[in-house]
């Protein structure tokens, strides 16, 4: 490609950099006559040019790195167990551990 003038540097300078500043013209007419026009950024083209620049630079993760993340599991504990607090003014019936109580009544075994 170099012998045809398509080196990486030439492609970036001649084609990629102008795409980063791409604009589109919007024309306004009234009764079939041109009344005004405005040049606005062409975001879709600019986004594709940025994507291409990042790919050329190697800024994206390789397939190996992305599959490692896709195959991993992250465990997040949202409600960790809390220590059991003693009951205030507890009688002998309520002083049992809560695992032996059901609706405030002892579980019969």
C-alpha atoms as a PDB file:
ATOM      1  CA  UNK A   1       0.000   0.000   0.000  1.00  0.00           C
ATOM      2  CA  UNK A   2       2.939   2.302   0.630  1.00  0.00           C
ATOM      3  CA  UNK A   3       3.926   2.321  -3.040  1.00  0.00           C
ATOM      4  CA  UNK A   4       0.441   3.617  -3.891  1.00  0.00           C
ATOM      5  CA  UNK A   5       0.777   6.484  -1.401  1.00  0.00           C
ATOM      6  CA  UNK A   6      -1.428   4.819   1.193  1.00  0.00           C
ATOM      7  CA  UNK A   7       0.910   4.695   4.165  1.00  0.00           C
ATOM      8  CA  UNK A   8      -0.658   4.746   7.618  1.00  0.00           C
ATOM      9  CA  UNK A   9       0.461   8.337   8.212  1.00  0.00           C
ATOM     10  CA  UNK A  10      -0.894   9.516   4.849  1.00  0.00           C
ATOM     11  CA  UNK A  11      -4.254   7.821   5.442  1.00  0.00           C
ATOM     12  CA  UNK A  12      -4.566   9.426   8.855  1.00  0.00           C
ATOM     13  CA  UNK A  13      -3.613  12.900   7.644  1.00  0.00           C
ATOM     14  CA  UNK A  14      -5.606  12.918   4.393  1.00  0.00           C
ATOM     15  CA  UNK A  15      -8.705  10.958   5.408  1.00  0.00           C
ATOM     16  CA  UNK A  16      -9.109  10.293   9.120  1.00  0.00           C
ATOM     17  CA  UNK A  17      -8.399  13.774  10.511  1.00  0.00           C
ATOM     18  CA  UNK A  18     -10.859  15.505   8.135  1.00  0.00           C
ATOM     19  CA  UNK A  19     -13.548  13.003   9.221  1.00  0.00           C
ATOM     20  CA  UNK A  20     -13.092  14.103  12.834  1.00  0.00           C
ATOM     21  CA  UNK A  21     -14.258  17.572  11.747  1.00  0.00           C
ATOM     22  CA  UNK A  22     -17.005  16.365   9.379  1.00  0.00           C
ATOM     23  CA  UNK A  23     -19.955  18.707   8.867  1.00  0.00           C
ATOM     24  CA  UNK A  24     -23.238  18.528   7.013  1.00  0.00           C
ATOM     25  CA  UNK A  25     -25.058  21.410   5.352  1.00  0.00           C
ATOM     26  CA  UNK A  26     -28.741  21.983   6.049  1.00  0.00           C
ATOM     27  CA  UNK A  27     -30.643  24.070   3.521  1.00  0.00           C
ATOM     28  CA  UNK A  28     -33.860  25.987   4.149  1.00  0.00           C
ATOM     29  CA  UNK A  29     -36.283  26.970   1.432  1.00  0.00           C
ATOM     30  CA  UNK A  30     -39.417  29.045   1.252  1.00  0.00           C
ATOM     31  CA  UNK A  31     -41.755  28.685  -1.724  1.00  0.00           C
ATOM     32  CA  UNK A  32     -39.091  26.798  -3.647  1.00  0.00           C
ATOM     33  CA  UNK A  33     -36.345  29.403  -3.125  1.00  0.00           C
ATOM     34  CA  UNK A  34     -33.270  28.941  -0.989  1.00  0.00           C
ATOM     35  CA  UNK A  35     -33.533  31.236   2.031  1.00  0.00           C
ATOM     36  CA  UNK A  36     -30.705  30.062   4.294  1.00  0.00           C
ATOM     37  CA  UNK A  37     -28.273  27.277   5.048  1.00  0.00           C
ATOM     38  CA  UNK A  38     -26.202  26.247   8.004  1.00  0.00           C
ATOM     39  CA  UNK A  39     -23.272  23.868   8.476  1.00  0.00           C
ATOM     40  CA  UNK A  40     -23.594  21.629  11.538  1.00  0.00           C
ATOM     41  CA  UNK A  41     -21.345  18.840  12.869  1.00  0.00           C
ATOM     42  CA  UNK A  42     -21.998  15.388  11.395  1.00  0.00           C
ATOM     43  CA  UNK A  43     -21.836  13.416  14.646  1.00  0.00           C
ATOM     44  CA  UNK A  44     -22.334   9.959  13.115  1.00  0.00           C
ATOM     45  CA  UNK A  45     -19.315  10.416  10.831  1.00  0.00           C
ATOM     46  CA  UNK A  46     -17.223  11.892  13.649  1.00  0.00           C
ATOM     47  CA  UNK A  47     -18.115   8.954  15.904  1.00  0.00           C
ATOM     48  CA  UNK A  48     -17.084   6.425  13.245  1.00  0.00           C
ATOM     49  CA  UNK A  49     -13.814   8.295  12.709  1.00  0.00           C
ATOM     50  CA  UNK A  50     -13.083   8.254  16.451  1.00  0.00           C
ATOM     51  CA  UNK A  51     -13.864   4.539  16.579  1.00  0.00           C
ATOM     52  CA  UNK A  52     -11.461   3.955  13.702  1.00  0.00           C
ATOM     53  CA  UNK A  53      -8.747   6.037  15.398  1.00  0.00           C
ATOM     54  CA  UNK A  54      -9.123   4.093  18.654  1.00  0.00           C
ATOM     55  CA  UNK A  55      -8.966   0.777  16.784  1.00  0.00           C
ATOM     56  CA  UNK A  56      -5.795   1.838  14.967  1.00  0.00           C
ATOM     57  CA  UNK A  57      -4.254   2.899  18.276  1.00  0.00           C
ATOM     58  CA  UNK A  58      -5.191  -0.390  19.960  1.00  0.00           C
ATOM     59  CA  UNK A  59      -7.165   1.358  22.702  1.00  0.00           C
ATOM     60  CA  UNK A  60      -9.898  -1.305  22.770  1.00  0.00           C
ATOM     61  CA  UNK A  61      -9.573  -4.524  24.759  1.00  0.00           C
ATOM     62  CA  UNK A  62      -8.636  -7.613  22.812  1.00  0.00           C
ATOM     63  CA  UNK A  63     -11.017 -10.555  22.547  1.00  0.00           C
ATOM     64  CA  UNK A  64      -9.054 -12.430  25.219  1.00  0.00           C
ATOM     65  CA  UNK A  65      -9.464  -9.609  27.742  1.00  0.00           C
ATOM     66  CA  UNK A  66     -13.164  -9.142  27.016  1.00  0.00           C
ATOM     67  CA  UNK A  67     -13.946 -12.863  27.309  1.00  0.00           C
ATOM     68  CA  UNK A  68     -12.149 -13.056  30.652  1.00  0.00           C
ATOM     69  CA  UNK A  69     -14.443 -10.336  31.986  1.00  0.00           C
ATOM     70  CA  UNK A  70     -17.519 -11.918  30.392  1.00  0.00           C
ATOM     71  CA  UNK A  71     -16.792 -15.302  32.006  1.00  0.00           C
ATOM     72  CA  UNK A  72     -16.102 -13.947  35.487  1.00  0.00           C
ATOM     73  CA  UNK A  73     -18.608 -13.600  38.306  1.00  0.00           C
ATOM     74  CA  UNK A  74     -18.702 -10.702  40.724  1.00  0.00           C
ATOM     75  CA  UNK A  75     -20.426 -11.285  44.061  1.00  0.00           C
ATOM     76  CA  UNK A  76     -21.731  -8.226  45.862  1.00  0.00           C
ATOM     77  CA  UNK A  77     -23.105  -8.655  49.370  1.00  0.00           C
ATOM     78  CA  UNK A  78     -25.833  -6.079  49.813  1.00  0.00           C
ATOM     79  CA  UNK A  79     -27.203  -7.095  53.218  1.00  0.00           C
ATOM     80  CA  UNK A  80     -24.469  -8.574  55.423  1.00  0.00           C
ATOM     81  CA  UNK A  81     -25.614 -10.406  58.568  1.00  0.00           C
ATOM     82  CA  UNK A  82     -25.777  -8.259  61.664  1.00  0.00           C
ATOM     83  CA  UNK A  83     -24.906  -9.405  65.192  1.00  0.00           C
ATOM     84  CA  UNK A  84     -27.851 -10.347  67.376  1.00  0.00           C
ATOM     85  CA  UNK A  85     -28.644  -7.652  69.943  1.00  0.00           C
ATOM     86  CA  UNK A  86     -29.918  -8.507  73.415  1.00  0.00           C
ATOM     87  CA  UNK A  87     -33.555  -7.779  74.119  1.00  0.00           C
ATOM     88  CA  UNK A  88     -34.331  -4.984  76.560  1.00  0.00           C
ATOM     89  CA  UNK A  89     -36.448  -6.052  79.527  1.00  0.00           C
ATOM     90  CA  UNK A  90     -36.433  -9.641  78.330  1.00  0.00           C
ATOM     91  CA  UNK A  91     -38.119 -12.328  80.399  1.00  0.00           C
ATOM     92  CA  UNK A  92     -37.071 -15.952  80.357  1.00  0.00           C
ATOM     93  CA  UNK A  93     -39.399 -16.769  77.448  1.00  0.00           C
ATOM     94  CA  UNK A  94     -38.079 -13.992  75.205  1.00  0.00           C
ATOM     95  CA  UNK A  95     -34.455 -14.484  76.180  1.00  0.00           C
ATOM     96  CA  UNK A  96     -34.213 -17.571  73.997  1.00  0.00           C
ATOM     97  CA  UNK A  97     -32.302 -17.157  70.761  1.00  0.00           C
ATOM     98  CA  UNK A  98     -34.518 -15.935  67.940  1.00  0.00           C
ATOM     99  CA  UNK A  99     -33.850 -19.146  66.012  1.00  0.00           C
ATOM    100  CA  UNK A 100     -36.019 -20.983  68.584  1.00  0.00           C
ATOM    101  CA  UNK A 101     -38.886 -18.475  68.397  1.00  0.00           C
ATOM    102  CA  UNK A 102     -41.653 -18.276  65.830  1.00  0.00           C
ATOM    103  CA  UNK A 103     -43.826 -15.144  66.018  1.00  0.00           C
ATOM    104  CA  UNK A 104     -42.567 -14.565  69.553  1.00  0.00           C
ATOM    105  CA  UNK A 105     -43.546 -18.092  70.690  1.00  0.00           C
ATOM    106  CA  UNK A 106     -41.122 -20.947  71.376  1.00  0.00           C
ATOM    107  CA  UNK A 107     -40.929 -23.696  68.808  1.00  0.00           C
ATOM    108  CA  UNK A 108     -42.045 -27.072  70.180  1.00  0.00           C
ATOM    109  CA  UNK A 109     -39.707 -29.909  69.438  1.00  0.00           C
END
